[in-house]
Amino acid sequence: MRFGYIRVSSKSQRDNSSLKEQREAVLAAGAEEVIEEVYTGGTIKDRPLFSQLIERLQPGDELIVCKLDRFARTVS
């Protein structure tokens, strides 16, 4: 399965179509299912949909993001 993960972290990103642009990018890259998360506060670790997605991934699945900072802030 090829999953796409898209995320915005502010109202301005929502309002300027960032979600739409990210969705189009991951679908164009072959995502079969897109998980969308709006991060509106708390710490970057508060991403329940991302955590659920990681639990769903099986060997052979692919995770597609349009930019690395959509799912990770640091190497660790």
Protein backbone atom coordinates (compact mmCIF):
# COMPACT_ATOMS: atom_id res chain seq x y z
CA MET A 1 0.00 0.00 0.00
CA ARG A 2 1.22 3.49 -0.78
CA PHE A 3 0.21 6.03 1.89
CA GLY A 4 0.45 9.78 1.54
CA TYR A 5 0.82 11.94 4.64
CA ILE A 6 0.07 15.64 4.50
CA ARG A 7 0.17 18.15 7.33
CA VAL A 8 -0.23 21.84 7.94
CA SER A 9 0.79 23.62 11.10
CA SER A 10 -1.00 26.93 10.88
CA LYS A 11 -4.27 28.50 9.81
CA SER A 12 -2.48 30.42 7.07
CA GLN A 13 -1.23 27.18 5.52
CA ARG A 14 -4.79 25.85 5.53
CA ASP A 15 -6.13 29.02 3.98
CA ASN A 16 -3.53 29.31 1.21
CA SER A 17 -4.26 25.82 -0.15
CA SER A 18 -1.17 24.16 1.23
CA LEU A 19 -3.20 21.05 2.02
CA LYS A 20 -4.54 20.98 -1.52
CA GLU A 21 -1.05 21.36 -2.99
CA GLN A 22 0.36 18.62 -0.75
CA ARG A 23 -2.55 16.28 -1.55
CA GLU A 24 -2.02 16.80 -5.28
CA ALA A 25 1.71 16.10 -4.90
CA VAL A 26 1.35 12.84 -2.96
CA LEU A 27 -1.43 11.60 -5.24
CA ALA A 28 0.72 12.40 -8.28
CA ALA A 29 3.50 10.37 -6.65
CA GLY A 30 1.19 7.36 -6.41
CA ALA A 31 -0.43 7.52 -2.96
CA GLU A 32 -3.45 5.25 -2.73
CA GLU A 33 -4.65 6.67 0.58
CA VAL A 34 -3.93 10.15 1.95
CA ILE A 35 -3.83 10.90 5.68
CA GLU A 36 -4.38 14.60 6.41
CA GLU A 37 -3.48 16.24 9.70
CA VAL A 38 -3.89 19.82 10.88
CA TYR A 39 -1.40 20.62 13.62
CA THR A 40 -2.77 23.52 15.64
CA GLY A 41 -0.80 23.55 18.84
CA GLY A 42 0.97 21.50 21.45
CA THR A 43 4.25 19.86 20.65
CA ILE A 44 5.22 18.38 17.32
CA LYS A 45 4.81 14.98 18.99
CA ASP A 46 1.05 15.54 19.20
CA ARG A 47 0.19 14.04 15.83
CA PRO A 48 -2.28 11.24 16.51
CA LEU A 49 -3.08 10.49 12.87
CA PHE A 50 0.60 10.20 12.01
CA SER A 51 1.12 7.84 14.96
CA GLN A 52 -1.82 5.70 13.79
CA LEU A 53 -0.42 5.65 10.26
CA ILE A 54 2.99 4.48 11.46
CA GLU A 55 1.28 1.64 13.33
CA ARG A 56 -0.54 0.61 10.13
CA LEU A 57 2.56 0.41 7.95
CA GLN A 58 3.51 -3.09 6.92
CA PRO A 59 6.67 -4.40 5.23
CA GLY A 60 6.56 -3.31 1.61
CA ASP A 61 4.28 -0.31 2.23
CA GLU A 62 5.45 3.12 1.17
CA LEU A 63 5.04 6.46 2.94
CA ILE A 64 4.92 9.43 0.57
CA VAL A 65 5.36 13.02 1.74
CA CYS A 66 5.94 16.11 -0.36
CA LYS A 67 8.64 17.46 1.99
CA LEU A 68 10.57 15.74 4.77
CA ASP A 69 9.52 18.36 7.32
CA ARG A 70 5.90 17.24 6.93
CA PHE A 71 6.61 14.21 9.08
CA ALA A 72 9.94 14.83 10.82
CA ARG A 73 11.68 17.79 12.39
CA THR A 74 14.89 16.09 13.44
CA VAL A 75 16.92 13.12 12.27
CA SER A 76 16.13 11.15 15.42
